[in-house]
Amino acid sequence: MILPVGINLTNWAASLFIDFPESDIPILMDESDWQQWGNTLIQDEAFFRNNAPRADNYKDWQTWAMDVFFVMNNSNADNLNTNEV
């Protein structure tokens, strides 16, 4: 899984198909619907099993994606950057 820094959401979402080939990654059709897409993503078994955070608890996709990155890489998961909406 690539770090969601210096990349746009569309490219980061597309990279998940490569990183998780066995998962049912949803296709991001509209970046403005990132929270709905993110909440669908975390229902996939790999993300659900690792307790990936809900996207609607975040104000921006970058902070949410960074927390997903940490959770999925089992690093710093106790220090999530949840920004309540």
C-alpha atoms as a PDB file:
ATOM      1  CA  MET A   1       0.000   0.000   0.000  1.00  0.00           C
ATOM      2  CA  ILE A   2       1.425   3.350  -0.991  1.00  0.00           C
ATOM      3  CA  LEU A   3       1.546   6.310   1.331  1.00  0.00           C
ATOM      4  CA  PRO A   4      -1.195   8.779   0.330  1.00  0.00           C
ATOM      5  CA  VAL A   5       1.181  11.738   0.100  1.00  0.00           C
ATOM      6  CA  GLY A   6       1.978  13.592  -3.105  1.00  0.00           C
ATOM      7  CA  ILE A   7      -0.751  11.708  -4.967  1.00  0.00           C
ATOM      8  CA  ASN A   8      -4.334  12.529  -5.811  1.00  0.00           C
ATOM      9  CA  LEU A   9      -7.255  10.477  -4.571  1.00  0.00           C
ATOM     10  CA  THR A  10      -8.035   8.909  -7.942  1.00  0.00           C
ATOM     11  CA  ASN A  11      -4.501   7.536  -8.295  1.00  0.00           C
ATOM     12  CA  TRP A  12      -4.335   6.393  -4.662  1.00  0.00           C
ATOM     13  CA  ALA A  13      -7.673   4.575  -5.048  1.00  0.00           C
ATOM     14  CA  ALA A  14      -6.468   2.945  -8.272  1.00  0.00           C
ATOM     15  CA  SER A  15      -3.283   1.759  -6.559  1.00  0.00           C
ATOM     16  CA  LEU A  16      -5.384  -0.278  -4.129  1.00  0.00           C
ATOM     17  CA  PHE A  17      -6.305  -2.656  -6.974  1.00  0.00           C
ATOM     18  CA  ILE A  18      -2.617  -3.552  -7.276  1.00  0.00           C
ATOM     19  CA  ASP A  19      -1.970  -3.652  -3.532  1.00  0.00           C
ATOM     20  CA  PHE A  20      -5.019  -5.786  -2.712  1.00  0.00           C
ATOM     21  CA  PRO A  21      -5.670  -7.985  -5.774  1.00  0.00           C
ATOM     22  CA  GLU A  22      -7.816 -10.454  -3.811  1.00  0.00           C
ATOM     23  CA  SER A  23     -10.032  -7.714  -2.378  1.00  0.00           C
ATOM     24  CA  ASP A  24     -13.258  -6.298  -3.724  1.00  0.00           C
ATOM     25  CA  ILE A  25     -12.020  -2.717  -4.128  1.00  0.00           C
ATOM     26  CA  PRO A  26     -14.805  -0.364  -5.255  1.00  0.00           C
ATOM     27  CA  ILE A  27     -14.153   1.898  -8.222  1.00  0.00           C
ATOM     28  CA  LEU A  28     -13.955   5.578  -7.311  1.00  0.00           C
ATOM     29  CA  MET A  29     -16.214   7.263  -9.834  1.00  0.00           C
ATOM     30  CA  ASP A  30     -16.349  10.774  -8.348  1.00  0.00           C
ATOM     31  CA  GLU A  31     -13.797  12.262  -5.961  1.00  0.00           C
ATOM     32  CA  SER A  32     -16.484  14.424  -4.370  1.00  0.00           C
ATOM     33  CA  ASP A  33     -18.109  11.204  -3.091  1.00  0.00           C
ATOM     34  CA  TRP A  34     -14.896  10.058  -1.399  1.00  0.00           C
ATOM     35  CA  GLN A  35     -16.564   9.429   1.961  1.00  0.00           C
ATOM     36  CA  GLN A  36     -19.170   7.105   0.480  1.00  0.00           C
ATOM     37  CA  TRP A  37     -16.463   5.327  -1.529  1.00  0.00           C
ATOM     38  CA  GLY A  38     -14.263   5.066   1.579  1.00  0.00           C
ATOM     39  CA  ASN A  39     -17.078   3.606   3.671  1.00  0.00           C
ATOM     40  CA  THR A  40     -17.675   1.023   0.934  1.00  0.00           C
ATOM     41  CA  LEU A  41     -13.944   0.247   0.791  1.00  0.00           C
ATOM     42  CA  ILE A  42     -13.682  -0.494   4.498  1.00  0.00           C
ATOM     43  CA  GLN A  43     -16.406  -3.114   4.197  1.00  0.00           C
ATOM     44  CA  ASP A  44     -13.983  -5.283   2.231  1.00  0.00           C
ATOM     45  CA  GLU A  45     -12.768  -8.145   4.420  1.00  0.00           C
ATOM     46  CA  ALA A  46      -9.107  -7.064   4.483  1.00  0.00           C
ATOM     47  CA  PHE A  47      -9.956  -3.523   5.573  1.00  0.00           C
ATOM     48  CA  PHE A  48     -12.746  -4.590   7.925  1.00  0.00           C
ATOM     49  CA  ARG A  49     -10.509  -7.170   9.625  1.00  0.00           C
ATOM     50  CA  ASN A  50      -7.945  -4.446  10.333  1.00  0.00           C
ATOM     51  CA  ASN A  51     -10.561  -2.000  11.654  1.00  0.00           C
ATOM     52  CA  ALA A  52      -9.972   0.614   8.971  1.00  0.00           C
ATOM     53  CA  PRO A  53     -11.712   3.833  10.026  1.00  0.00           C
ATOM     54  CA  ARG A  54     -14.958   5.095   8.528  1.00  0.00           C
ATOM     55  CA  ALA A  55     -14.413   7.883   6.031  1.00  0.00           C
ATOM     56  CA  ASP A  56     -17.367   9.929   7.210  1.00  0.00           C
ATOM     57  CA  ASN A  57     -15.515  10.623  10.459  1.00  0.00           C
ATOM     58  CA  TYR A  58     -13.014  12.749   8.513  1.00  0.00           C
ATOM     59  CA  LYS A  59     -13.066  16.180   6.917  1.00  0.00           C
ATOM     60  CA  ASP A  60     -10.575  15.365   4.150  1.00  0.00           C
ATOM     61  CA  TRP A  61      -9.587  12.276   2.256  1.00  0.00           C
ATOM     62  CA  GLN A  62      -5.846  12.696   2.873  1.00  0.00           C
ATOM     63  CA  THR A  63      -6.128  12.393   6.646  1.00  0.00           C
ATOM     64  CA  TRP A  64      -8.508   9.436   6.339  1.00  0.00           C
ATOM     65  CA  ALA A  65      -6.272   7.703   3.774  1.00  0.00           C
ATOM     66  CA  MET A  66      -3.227   8.211   6.002  1.00  0.00           C
ATOM     67  CA  ASP A  67      -5.043   6.519   8.887  1.00  0.00           C
ATOM     68  CA  VAL A  68      -6.112   3.687   6.589  1.00  0.00           C
ATOM     69  CA  PHE A  69      -2.478   3.353   5.533  1.00  0.00           C
ATOM     70  CA  PHE A  70      -1.325   3.113   9.162  1.00  0.00           C
ATOM     71  CA  VAL A  71      -4.016   0.580  10.068  1.00  0.00           C
ATOM     72  CA  MET A  72      -3.355  -1.600   7.048  1.00  0.00           C
ATOM     73  CA  ASN A  73       0.385  -1.502   7.673  1.00  0.00           C
ATOM     74  CA  ASN A  74      -0.045  -2.144  11.418  1.00  0.00           C
ATOM     75  CA  SER A  75       2.016   0.896  12.294  1.00  0.00           C
ATOM     76  CA  ASN A  76       0.977   3.732  14.545  1.00  0.00           C
ATOM     77  CA  ALA A  77      -2.636   2.551  14.552  1.00  0.00           C
ATOM     78  CA  ASP A  78      -3.131   3.916  18.054  1.00  0.00           C
ATOM     79  CA  ASN A  79      -2.444   7.464  16.884  1.00  0.00           C
ATOM     80  CA  LEU A  80      -5.125   7.956  14.256  1.00  0.00           C
ATOM     81  CA  ASN A  81      -5.851  11.514  13.125  1.00  0.00           C
ATOM     82  CA  THR A  82      -9.633  11.425  13.306  1.00  0.00           C
ATOM     83  CA  ASN A  83     -11.084  14.821  12.463  1.00  0.00           C
ATOM     84  CA  GLU A  84     -14.693  14.803  13.524  1.00  0.00           C
ATOM     85  CA  VAL A  85     -17.070  16.203  10.941  1.00  0.00           C
END
